[in-house]
């Protein structure tokens, strides 16, 4: 992906823009054929998780490109994006998503997200109204009971809540959480480069952990997932995994029940990071966005 800078209010966002399909431009069409007269490839506005850099989605952008879709994303404010996370709100993230589309001159887009990014994407899709073509969620962190609903995710959210309430505890948590070389085993990920990107919030200094904690808090403050799901009126797809230890698959199932006409696909295995370790999630989303039958995960 190439990087662009787009203003949103007082912040300058780091925006990742997929190369797109050869011979086409960004747009709201569903065509993928190059050449004169070919409709513009549809755009996927993808919301990454809190604490993740755009580079994490390079491979995902390539998979969407192969399906005839353009991926656009941005780094959420505060972690690692711009501005002080102590002041960032869920509303800021939603406004930033709208600003990204406006800044790139994109009229409509499919909206998607992963983990905490999926919960932001849910509110973003609702805010976009008719500009949103569809909504797709991959292992979304829907906090119906105030927590992600899985062992590791609950622990991370608890840590972030405690750090945000008392930054004096950040040093102790940083020492406990900093990488020691066994993170791949814990995450179920073999690629060391991918492990490094996924553990970025814990690999840096104490101040970055504080920023991450406030970034997580921003996705939970003023958050009413049941209301947001029930008010979503566009085609929706929820993907989840039963062995996900970061976010509970039951929360995705509950969200799908609340969205009128939503599709739900739950795989038995793959874990929280299946989006990055195999092609199935992007294949499922691409088929859904292009109007085809969603394949099994």
C-alpha atoms as a PDB file:
ATOM      1  CA  UNK A   1       0.000   0.000   0.000  1.00  0.00           C
ATOM      2  CA  UNK A   2       1.064   3.560  -0.543  1.00  0.00           C
ATOM      3  CA  UNK A   3       0.798   6.077   2.276  1.00  0.00           C
ATOM      4  CA  UNK A   4      -1.147   9.327   2.127  1.00  0.00           C
ATOM      5  CA  UNK A   5      -1.772  12.012   4.751  1.00  0.00           C
ATOM      6  CA  UNK A   6      -5.350  13.178   5.208  1.00  0.00           C
ATOM      7  CA  UNK A   7      -6.635  15.808   7.593  1.00  0.00           C
ATOM      8  CA  UNK A   8      -9.469  15.030   9.970  1.00  0.00           C
ATOM      9  CA  UNK A   9     -10.237  17.961  12.240  1.00  0.00           C
ATOM     10  CA  UNK A  10      -6.980  18.901  13.967  1.00  0.00           C
ATOM     11  CA  UNK A  11      -5.384  15.509  13.279  1.00  0.00           C
ATOM     12  CA  UNK A  12      -3.395  14.319  10.268  1.00  0.00           C
ATOM     13  CA  UNK A  13      -4.098  10.657   9.592  1.00  0.00           C
ATOM     14  CA  UNK A  14      -1.704   8.075   8.182  1.00  0.00           C
ATOM     15  CA  UNK A  15      -3.767   6.460   5.436  1.00  0.00           C
ATOM     16  CA  UNK A  16      -2.893   3.240   3.647  1.00  0.00           C
ATOM     17  CA  UNK A  17      -4.147   3.004   0.069  1.00  0.00           C
ATOM     18  CA  UNK A  18      -4.100  -0.275  -1.829  1.00  0.00           C
ATOM     19  CA  UNK A  19      -2.721  -0.241  -5.344  1.00  0.00           C
ATOM     20  CA  UNK A  20      -6.113  -1.265  -6.714  1.00  0.00           C
ATOM     21  CA  UNK A  21      -6.837  -3.190  -9.872  1.00  0.00           C
ATOM     22  CA  UNK A  22      -4.742  -2.248 -12.910  1.00  0.00           C
ATOM     23  CA  UNK A  23      -6.474   0.258 -15.136  1.00  0.00           C
ATOM     24  CA  UNK A  24      -9.211   1.232 -12.656  1.00  0.00           C
ATOM     25  CA  UNK A  25      -9.702   4.038 -10.195  1.00  0.00           C
ATOM     26  CA  UNK A  26     -11.165   4.253  -6.742  1.00  0.00           C
ATOM     27  CA  UNK A  27     -14.924   4.293  -6.791  1.00  0.00           C
ATOM     28  CA  UNK A  28     -18.116   2.673  -5.700  1.00  0.00           C
ATOM     29  CA  UNK A  29     -18.634   0.263  -8.577  1.00  0.00           C
ATOM     30  CA  UNK A  30     -18.338  -3.498  -8.405  1.00  0.00           C
ATOM     31  CA  UNK A  31     -16.424  -4.094 -11.624  1.00  0.00           C
ATOM     32  CA  UNK A  32     -12.852  -5.333 -11.735  1.00  0.00           C
ATOM     33  CA  UNK A  33     -11.974  -5.285 -15.427  1.00  0.00           C
ATOM     34  CA  UNK A  34      -9.198  -2.987 -16.621  1.00  0.00           C
ATOM     35  CA  UNK A  35      -9.338  -0.817 -19.724  1.00  0.00           C
ATOM     36  CA  UNK A  36     -11.490   1.954 -21.123  1.00  0.00           C
ATOM     37  CA  UNK A  37     -15.069   1.883 -19.965  1.00  0.00           C
ATOM     38  CA  UNK A  38     -14.425  -0.548 -17.118  1.00  0.00           C
ATOM     39  CA  UNK A  39     -16.288   0.364 -13.931  1.00  0.00           C
ATOM     40  CA  UNK A  40     -14.188   1.469 -10.991  1.00  0.00           C
ATOM     41  CA  UNK A  41     -13.267  -1.283  -8.567  1.00  0.00           C
ATOM     42  CA  UNK A  42     -15.216  -1.109  -5.324  1.00  0.00           C
ATOM     43  CA  UNK A  43     -13.445   0.210  -2.260  1.00  0.00           C
ATOM     44  CA  UNK A  44     -13.149  -1.620   1.056  1.00  0.00           C
ATOM     45  CA  UNK A  45     -12.710   0.835   3.931  1.00  0.00           C
ATOM     46  CA  UNK A  46     -11.056  -1.458   6.472  1.00  0.00           C
ATOM     47  CA  UNK A  47     -10.709  -0.481  10.140  1.00  0.00           C
ATOM     48  CA  UNK A  48      -7.708  -2.155  11.773  1.00  0.00           C
ATOM     49  CA  UNK A  49      -7.441  -2.913  15.483  1.00  0.00           C
ATOM     50  CA  UNK A  50      -6.240  -0.398  18.049  1.00  0.00           C
ATOM     51  CA  UNK A  51      -2.445  -0.329  18.250  1.00  0.00           C
ATOM     52  CA  UNK A  52      -1.789  -1.727  14.772  1.00  0.00           C
ATOM     53  CA  UNK A  53       0.118  -0.054  11.928  1.00  0.00           C
ATOM     54  CA  UNK A  54      -1.061   0.045   8.323  1.00  0.00           C
ATOM     55  CA  UNK A  55       1.753  -2.266   7.229  1.00  0.00           C
ATOM     56  CA  UNK A  56      -0.034  -5.152   8.959  1.00  0.00           C
ATOM     57  CA  UNK A  57      -2.682  -5.005   6.221  1.00  0.00           C
ATOM     58  CA  UNK A  58      -0.337  -5.094   3.219  1.00  0.00           C
ATOM     59  CA  UNK A  59      -1.035  -8.774   2.617  1.00  0.00           C
ATOM     60  CA  UNK A  60      -4.755  -8.276   3.142  1.00  0.00           C
ATOM     61  CA  UNK A  61      -4.753  -5.481   0.560  1.00  0.00           C
ATOM     62  CA  UNK A  62      -3.132  -7.856  -1.937  1.00  0.00           C
ATOM     63  CA  UNK A  63      -5.806 -10.487  -1.357  1.00  0.00           C
ATOM     64  CA  UNK A  64      -8.573  -7.957  -1.862  1.00  0.00           C
ATOM     65  CA  UNK A  65      -6.822  -6.669  -4.995  1.00  0.00           C
ATOM     66  CA  UNK A  66      -6.755 -10.196  -6.412  1.00  0.00           C
ATOM     67  CA  UNK A  67     -10.530 -10.329  -5.908  1.00  0.00           C
ATOM     68  CA  UNK A  68     -11.031  -6.992  -7.679  1.00  0.00           C
ATOM     69  CA  UNK A  69     -11.414  -4.760  -4.630  1.00  0.00           C
ATOM     70  CA  UNK A  70      -9.400  -1.757  -3.392  1.00  0.00           C
ATOM     71  CA  UNK A  71      -8.464  -1.620   0.292  1.00  0.00           C
ATOM     72  CA  UNK A  72      -8.157   1.687   2.148  1.00  0.00           C
ATOM     73  CA  UNK A  73      -7.300   1.946   5.842  1.00  0.00           C
ATOM     74  CA  UNK A  74      -5.814   4.317   8.407  1.00  0.00           C
ATOM     75  CA  UNK A  75      -3.987   4.122  11.724  1.00  0.00           C
ATOM     76  CA  UNK A  76      -6.408   4.823  14.550  1.00  0.00           C
ATOM     77  CA  UNK A  77      -5.654   7.952  16.529  1.00  0.00           C
ATOM     78  CA  UNK A  78      -3.271   7.700  19.435  1.00  0.00           C
ATOM     79  CA  UNK A  79      -2.082   4.148  18.970  1.00  0.00           C
ATOM     80  CA  UNK A  80      -0.081   4.402  16.756  1.00  0.00           C
ATOM     81  CA  UNK A  81      -1.763   7.300  14.930  1.00  0.00           C
ATOM     82  CA  UNK A  82      -1.659  11.016  15.810  1.00  0.00           C
ATOM     83  CA  UNK A  83      -2.940  12.917  18.856  1.00  0.00           C
ATOM     84  CA  UNK A  84      -3.166  12.298  22.574  1.00  0.00           C
ATOM     85  CA  UNK A  85      -5.223   9.179  23.246  1.00  0.00           C
ATOM     86  CA  UNK A  86      -6.396  10.614  26.542  1.00  0.00           C
ATOM     87  CA  UNK A  87      -8.719  12.810  24.492  1.00  0.00           C
ATOM     88  CA  UNK A  88      -9.669  10.412  21.680  1.00  0.00           C
ATOM     89  CA  UNK A  89     -13.249   9.126  21.498  1.00  0.00           C
ATOM     90  CA  UNK A  90     -15.143   6.554  19.497  1.00  0.00           C
ATOM     91  CA  UNK A  91     -16.765   9.466  17.697  1.00  0.00           C
ATOM     92  CA  UNK A  92     -13.312  10.682  16.596  1.00  0.00           C
ATOM     93  CA  UNK A  93     -12.567   7.302  14.990  1.00  0.00           C
ATOM     94  CA  UNK A  94     -15.888   7.381  13.154  1.00  0.00           C
ATOM     95  CA  UNK A  95     -15.283  10.940  11.945  1.00  0.00           C
ATOM     96  CA  UNK A  96     -11.804   9.916  10.774  1.00  0.00           C
ATOM     97  CA  UNK A  97     -13.256   7.111   8.642  1.00  0.00           C
ATOM     98  CA  UNK A  98     -15.596   9.580   6.941  1.00  0.00           C
ATOM     99  CA  UNK A  99     -12.678  11.991   6.433  1.00  0.00           C
ATOM    100  CA  UNK A 100     -10.621   9.247   4.753  1.00  0.00           C
ATOM    101  CA  UNK A 101     -13.343   8.625   2.165  1.00  0.00           C
ATOM    102  CA  UNK A 102     -13.865  12.336   1.613  1.00  0.00           C
ATOM    103  CA  UNK A 103     -10.139  13.002   1.333  1.00  0.00           C
ATOM    104  CA  UNK A 104      -9.711  10.317  -1.315  1.00  0.00           C
ATOM    105  CA  UNK A 105     -12.835  11.366  -3.189  1.00  0.00           C
ATOM    106  CA  UNK A 106     -14.570   8.029  -2.629  1.00  0.00           C
ATOM    107  CA  UNK A 107     -18.359   8.255  -2.738  1.00  0.00           C
ATOM    108  CA  UNK A 108     -19.253   4.807  -1.404  1.00  0.00           C
ATOM    109  CA  UNK A 109     -17.430   1.859   0.124  1.00  0.00           C
ATOM    110  CA  UNK A 110     -17.828  -1.521   1.725  1.00  0.00           C
ATOM    111  CA  UNK A 111     -16.984  -1.103   5.428  1.00  0.00           C
ATOM    112  CA  UNK A 112     -15.097  -3.825   7.284  1.00  0.00           C
ATOM    113  CA  UNK A 113     -13.029  -4.263  10.415  1.00  0.00           C
ATOM    114  CA  UNK A 114     -11.075  -6.682  12.566  1.00  0.00           C
ATOM    115  CA  UNK A 115     -11.073  -7.019  16.377  1.00  0.00           C
ATOM    116  CA  UNK A 116     -11.601  -3.588  18.007  1.00  0.00           C
ATOM    117  CA  UNK A 117     -11.611  -2.145  14.491  1.00  0.00           C
ATOM    118  CA  UNK A 118     -14.789  -4.101  13.756  1.00  0.00           C
ATOM    119  CA  UNK A 119     -16.615  -2.351  16.588  1.00  0.00           C
ATOM    120  CA  UNK A 120     -15.462   1.023  15.228  1.00  0.00           C
ATOM    121  CA  UNK A 121     -16.499  -0.073  11.723  1.00  0.00           C
ATOM    122  CA  UNK A 122     -19.989  -0.913  12.968  1.00  0.00           C
ATOM    123  CA  UNK A 123     -20.566   2.664  14.094  1.00  0.00           C
ATOM    124  CA  UNK A 124     -18.816   4.013  10.997  1.00  0.00           C
ATOM    125  CA  UNK A 125     -21.126   2.039   8.685  1.00  0.00           C
ATOM    126  CA  UNK A 126     -24.131   3.433  10.520  1.00  0.00           C
ATOM    127  CA  UNK A 127     -22.769   6.976  10.246  1.00  0.00           C
ATOM    128  CA  UNK A 128     -22.106   6.634   6.513  1.00  0.00           C
ATOM    129  CA  UNK A 129     -25.705   5.674   5.790  1.00  0.00           C
ATOM    130  CA  UNK A 130     -26.225   5.131   2.059  1.00  0.00           C
ATOM    131  CA  UNK A 131     -22.507   5.636   1.417  1.00  0.00           C
ATOM    132  CA  UNK A 132     -21.861   2.250   3.049  1.00  0.00           C
ATOM    133  CA  UNK A 133     -22.436  -0.632   0.617  1.00  0.00           C
ATOM    134  CA  UNK A 134     -22.084  -3.405   3.186  1.00  0.00           C
ATOM    135  CA  UNK A 135     -20.576  -4.233   6.582  1.00  0.00           C
ATOM    136  CA  UNK A 136     -18.164  -7.100   7.298  1.00  0.00           C
ATOM    137  CA  UNK A 137     -16.777  -8.078  10.684  1.00  0.00           C
ATOM    138  CA  UNK A 138     -13.807 -10.377  11.326  1.00  0.00           C
ATOM    139  CA  UNK A 139     -13.463 -11.564  14.934  1.00  0.00           C
ATOM    140  CA  UNK A 140     -15.122  -8.390  16.178  1.00  0.00           C
ATOM    141  CA  UNK A 141     -14.775  -7.171  19.757  1.00  0.00           C
ATOM    142  CA  UNK A 142     -18.434  -6.530  20.545  1.00  0.00           C
ATOM    143  CA  UNK A 143     -18.561  -5.682  24.231  1.00  0.00           C
ATOM    144  CA  UNK A 144     -22.111  -6.717  25.072  1.00  0.00           C
ATOM    145  CA  UNK A 145     -21.114  -7.466  28.658  1.00  0.00           C
ATOM    146  CA  UNK A 146     -18.355  -4.888  28.839  1.00  0.00           C
ATOM    147  CA  UNK A 147     -15.593  -7.343  27.866  1.00  0.00           C
ATOM    148  CA  UNK A 148     -14.492  -9.143  24.678  1.00  0.00           C
ATOM    149  CA  UNK A 149     -15.730 -12.451  26.080  1.00  0.00           C
ATOM    150  CA  UNK A 150     -12.537 -14.526  25.810  1.00  0.00           C
ATOM    151  CA  UNK A 151      -9.690 -15.260  28.223  1.00  0.00           C
ATOM    152  CA  UNK A 152      -6.825 -13.252  26.728  1.00  0.00           C
ATOM    153  CA  UNK A 153      -8.992 -10.402  25.488  1.00  0.00           C
ATOM    154  CA  UNK A 154     -10.638  -9.959  28.865  1.00  0.00           C
ATOM    155  CA  UNK A 155      -7.185  -9.770  30.494  1.00  0.00           C
ATOM    156  CA  UNK A 156      -5.943  -7.162  27.990  1.00  0.00           C
ATOM    157  CA  UNK A 157      -9.039  -5.000  28.434  1.00  0.00           C
ATOM    158  CA  UNK A 158      -8.726  -5.255  32.222  1.00  0.00           C
ATOM    159  CA  UNK A 159      -5.071  -4.205  32.028  1.00  0.00           C
ATOM    160  CA  UNK A 160      -5.945  -1.249  29.812  1.00  0.00           C
ATOM    161  CA  UNK A 161      -8.734  -0.146  32.153  1.00  0.00           C
ATOM    162  CA  UNK A 162      -6.366  -0.214  35.125  1.00  0.00           C
ATOM    163  CA  UNK A 163      -3.604   1.664  33.296  1.00  0.00           C
ATOM    164  CA  UNK A 164      -6.047   4.305  32.040  1.00  0.00           C
ATOM    165  CA  UNK A 165      -7.340   4.749  35.596  1.00  0.00           C
ATOM    166  CA  UNK A 166      -3.838   4.951  37.106  1.00  0.00           C
ATOM    167  CA  UNK A 167      -0.917   5.448  34.721  1.00  0.00           C
ATOM    168  CA  UNK A 168       1.418   4.780  37.633  1.00  0.00           C
ATOM    169  CA  UNK A 169       0.714   1.072  37.102  1.00  0.00           C
ATOM    170  CA  UNK A 170       1.897   1.149  33.480  1.00  0.00           C
ATOM    171  CA  UNK A 171       5.510   0.323  34.322  1.00  0.00           C
ATOM    172  CA  UNK A 172       4.547  -2.861  36.154  1.00  0.00           C
ATOM    173  CA  UNK A 173       2.286  -3.994  33.319  1.00  0.00           C
ATOM    174  CA  UNK A 174       4.931  -3.128  30.734  1.00  0.00           C
ATOM    175  CA  UNK A 175       7.453  -5.320  32.517  1.00  0.00           C
ATOM    176  CA  UNK A 176       4.944  -8.158  32.705  1.00  0.00           C
ATOM    177  CA  UNK A 177       3.809  -7.826  29.084  1.00  0.00           C
ATOM    178  CA  UNK A 178       7.004  -6.970  27.219  1.00  0.00           C
ATOM    179  CA  UNK A 179       8.040  -9.581  24.622  1.00  0.00           C
ATOM    180  CA  UNK A 180      10.369 -12.326  25.752  1.00  0.00           C
ATOM    181  CA  UNK A 181      10.502 -14.448  22.629  1.00  0.00           C
ATOM    182  CA  UNK A 182       7.583 -16.816  23.264  1.00  0.00           C
ATOM    183  CA  UNK A 183       4.814 -14.589  21.900  1.00  0.00           C
ATOM    184  CA  UNK A 184       4.326 -16.661  18.761  1.00  0.00           C
ATOM    185  CA  UNK A 185       3.387 -19.697  20.831  1.00  0.00           C
ATOM    186  CA  UNK A 186       0.928 -17.656  22.902  1.00  0.00           C
ATOM    187  CA  UNK A 187      -0.658 -16.118  19.801  1.00  0.00           C
ATOM    188  CA  UNK A 188      -0.584 -19.287  17.708  1.00  0.00           C
ATOM    189  CA  UNK A 189       1.397 -17.463  14.991  1.00  0.00           C
ATOM    190  CA  UNK A 190       4.623 -18.845  13.492  1.00  0.00           C
ATOM    191  CA  UNK A 191       5.821 -15.952  11.299  1.00  0.00           C
ATOM    192  CA  UNK A 192       8.191 -13.851  13.476  1.00  0.00           C
ATOM    193  CA  UNK A 193       7.601 -10.696  11.405  1.00  0.00           C
ATOM    194  CA  UNK A 194       3.840 -11.030  11.877  1.00  0.00           C
ATOM    195  CA  UNK A 195       4.334 -11.668  15.599  1.00  0.00           C
ATOM    196  CA  UNK A 196       6.353  -8.447  15.826  1.00  0.00           C
ATOM    197  CA  UNK A 197       3.581  -6.414  14.191  1.00  0.00           C
ATOM    198  CA  UNK A 198       0.845  -7.958  16.323  1.00  0.00           C
ATOM    199  CA  UNK A 199       2.710  -7.321  19.589  1.00  0.00           C
ATOM    200  CA  UNK A 200       3.700  -3.748  18.702  1.00  0.00           C
ATOM    201  CA  UNK A 201       1.842  -2.127  21.653  1.00  0.00           C
ATOM    202  CA  UNK A 202       3.941  -4.195  24.083  1.00  0.00           C
ATOM    203  CA  UNK A 203       7.272  -3.967  22.256  1.00  0.00           C
ATOM    204  CA  UNK A 204       7.777  -0.237  22.780  1.00  0.00           C
ATOM    205  CA  UNK A 205       8.163   1.868  25.912  1.00  0.00           C
ATOM    206  CA  UNK A 206       5.876   2.502  28.863  1.00  0.00           C
ATOM    207  CA  UNK A 207       4.405   5.638  27.291  1.00  0.00           C
ATOM    208  CA  UNK A 208       3.311   3.656  24.239  1.00  0.00           C
ATOM    209  CA  UNK A 209       1.564   1.132  26.488  1.00  0.00           C
ATOM    210  CA  UNK A 210      -0.269   4.036  28.142  1.00  0.00           C
ATOM    211  CA  UNK A 211      -1.302   5.308  24.697  1.00  0.00           C
ATOM    212  CA  UNK A 212      -2.550   1.832  23.818  1.00  0.00           C
ATOM    213  CA  UNK A 213      -4.550   1.630  27.053  1.00  0.00           C
ATOM    214  CA  UNK A 214      -6.270   4.926  26.348  1.00  0.00           C
ATOM    215  CA  UNK A 215      -6.817   3.824  22.760  1.00  0.00           C
ATOM    216  CA  UNK A 216      -8.678   0.742  23.955  1.00  0.00           C
ATOM    217  CA  UNK A 217     -10.696   2.862  26.377  1.00  0.00           C
ATOM    218  CA  UNK A 218     -11.747   5.128  23.510  1.00  0.00           C
ATOM    219  CA  UNK A 219     -13.413   2.172  21.765  1.00  0.00           C
ATOM    220  CA  UNK A 220     -15.448   1.297  24.853  1.00  0.00           C
ATOM    221  CA  UNK A 221     -16.607   4.674  26.184  1.00  0.00           C
ATOM    222  CA  UNK A 222     -20.144   5.529  25.112  1.00  0.00           C
ATOM    223  CA  UNK A 223     -20.385   2.159  23.398  1.00  0.00           C
ATOM    224  CA  UNK A 224     -23.854   0.635  22.883  1.00  0.00           C
ATOM    225  CA  UNK A 225     -23.368  -2.379  20.585  1.00  0.00           C
ATOM    226  CA  UNK A 226     -26.904  -3.750  20.795  1.00  0.00           C
ATOM    227  CA  UNK A 227     -28.409  -0.443  19.679  1.00  0.00           C
ATOM    228  CA  UNK A 228     -25.854  -0.040  16.888  1.00  0.00           C
ATOM    229  CA  UNK A 229     -26.440  -3.576  15.582  1.00  0.00           C
ATOM    230  CA  UNK A 230     -30.220  -3.257  15.650  1.00  0.00           C
ATOM    231  CA  UNK A 231     -30.084   0.011  13.713  1.00  0.00           C
ATOM    232  CA  UNK A 232     -27.840  -1.317  10.927  1.00  0.00           C
ATOM    233  CA  UNK A 233     -29.885  -1.657   7.748  1.00  0.00           C
ATOM    234  CA  UNK A 234     -27.349  -2.753   5.131  1.00  0.00           C
ATOM    235  CA  UNK A 235     -26.045  -6.225   4.170  1.00  0.00           C
ATOM    236  CA  UNK A 236     -23.834  -7.553   6.960  1.00  0.00           C
ATOM    237  CA  UNK A 237     -21.436 -10.477   7.401  1.00  0.00           C
ATOM    238  CA  UNK A 238     -19.931 -11.671  10.670  1.00  0.00           C
ATOM    239  CA  UNK A 239     -16.946 -14.057  10.703  1.00  0.00           C
ATOM    240  CA  UNK A 240     -15.724 -15.674  13.907  1.00  0.00           C
ATOM    241  CA  UNK A 241     -13.732 -18.638  15.277  1.00  0.00           C
ATOM    242  CA  UNK A 242     -14.669 -20.835  18.190  1.00  0.00           C
ATOM    243  CA  UNK A 243     -11.061 -21.131  19.386  1.00  0.00           C
ATOM    244  CA  UNK A 244     -10.493 -17.350  19.424  1.00  0.00           C
ATOM    245  CA  UNK A 245      -9.009 -16.506  22.838  1.00  0.00           C
ATOM    246  CA  UNK A 246      -9.034 -12.743  22.296  1.00  0.00           C
ATOM    247  CA  UNK A 247     -12.705 -12.131  21.460  1.00  0.00           C
ATOM    248  CA  UNK A 248     -15.546 -14.541  22.079  1.00  0.00           C
ATOM    249  CA  UNK A 249     -17.278 -15.934  19.012  1.00  0.00           C
ATOM    250  CA  UNK A 250     -20.592 -15.772  20.866  1.00  0.00           C
ATOM    251  CA  UNK A 251     -20.434 -11.967  20.763  1.00  0.00           C
ATOM    252  CA  UNK A 252     -20.250 -12.058  16.953  1.00  0.00           C
ATOM    253  CA  UNK A 253     -23.175 -14.489  16.908  1.00  0.00           C
ATOM    254  CA  UNK A 254     -25.168 -12.189  19.169  1.00  0.00           C
ATOM    255  CA  UNK A 255     -24.372  -9.201  16.960  1.00  0.00           C
ATOM    256  CA  UNK A 256     -25.461 -11.114  13.856  1.00  0.00           C
ATOM    257  CA  UNK A 257     -28.774 -11.971  15.505  1.00  0.00           C
ATOM    258  CA  UNK A 258     -29.441  -8.275  16.097  1.00  0.00           C
ATOM    259  CA  UNK A 259     -28.655  -7.086  12.559  1.00  0.00           C
ATOM    260  CA  UNK A 260     -31.622  -7.739  10.252  1.00  0.00           C
ATOM    261  CA  UNK A 261     -30.722 -10.323   7.605  1.00  0.00           C
ATOM    262  CA  UNK A 262     -27.063 -10.631   8.650  1.00  0.00           C
ATOM    263  CA  UNK A 263     -24.985 -13.659   7.648  1.00  0.00           C
ATOM    264  CA  UNK A 264     -22.832 -15.485  10.214  1.00  0.00           C
ATOM    265  CA  UNK A 265     -19.977 -17.903   9.552  1.00  0.00           C
ATOM    266  CA  UNK A 266     -18.188 -19.516  12.499  1.00  0.00           C
ATOM    267  CA  UNK A 267     -15.138 -21.740  11.994  1.00  0.00           C
ATOM    268  CA  UNK A 268     -14.016 -24.277  14.560  1.00  0.00           C
ATOM    269  CA  UNK A 269     -10.318 -23.394  14.437  1.00  0.00           C
ATOM    270  CA  UNK A 270      -7.903 -20.736  13.235  1.00  0.00           C
ATOM    271  CA  UNK A 271      -7.724 -18.421  16.234  1.00  0.00           C
ATOM    272  CA  UNK A 272      -7.860 -14.655  16.438  1.00  0.00           C
ATOM    273  CA  UNK A 273      -5.217 -14.054  13.788  1.00  0.00           C
ATOM    274  CA  UNK A 274      -6.656 -16.215  11.004  1.00  0.00           C
ATOM    275  CA  UNK A 275      -7.161 -13.051   8.945  1.00  0.00           C
ATOM    276  CA  UNK A 276      -3.377 -12.856   8.545  1.00  0.00           C
ATOM    277  CA  UNK A 277      -2.436 -16.521   8.380  1.00  0.00           C
ATOM    278  CA  UNK A 278      -4.794 -17.796   5.687  1.00  0.00           C
ATOM    279  CA  UNK A 279      -6.872 -16.590   2.730  1.00  0.00           C
ATOM    280  CA  UNK A 280     -10.310 -17.723   3.939  1.00  0.00           C
ATOM    281  CA  UNK A 281     -11.508 -14.535   5.724  1.00  0.00           C
ATOM    282  CA  UNK A 282     -10.718 -12.262   2.763  1.00  0.00           C
ATOM    283  CA  UNK A 283     -12.183 -14.804   0.343  1.00  0.00           C
ATOM    284  CA  UNK A 284     -15.398 -14.841   2.377  1.00  0.00           C
ATOM    285  CA  UNK A 285     -15.607 -11.046   2.606  1.00  0.00           C
ATOM    286  CA  UNK A 286     -14.802 -10.585  -1.088  1.00  0.00           C
ATOM    287  CA  UNK A 287     -17.495 -13.046  -2.140  1.00  0.00           C
ATOM    288  CA  UNK A 288     -20.000 -11.331   0.126  1.00  0.00           C
ATOM    289  CA  UNK A 289     -19.131  -7.846  -1.147  1.00  0.00           C
ATOM    290  CA  UNK A 290     -19.311  -8.932  -4.774  1.00  0.00           C
ATOM    291  CA  UNK A 291     -22.653 -10.648  -4.350  1.00  0.00           C
ATOM    292  CA  UNK A 292     -21.505 -14.263  -4.423  1.00  0.00           C
ATOM    293  CA  UNK A 293     -22.186 -17.085  -1.999  1.00  0.00           C
ATOM    294  CA  UNK A 294     -19.950 -16.869   1.062  1.00  0.00           C
ATOM    295  CA  UNK A 295     -17.605 -19.895   1.136  1.00  0.00           C
ATOM    296  CA  UNK A 296     -16.986 -21.883   4.288  1.00  0.00           C
ATOM    297  CA  UNK A 297     -14.162 -20.663   6.505  1.00  0.00           C
END
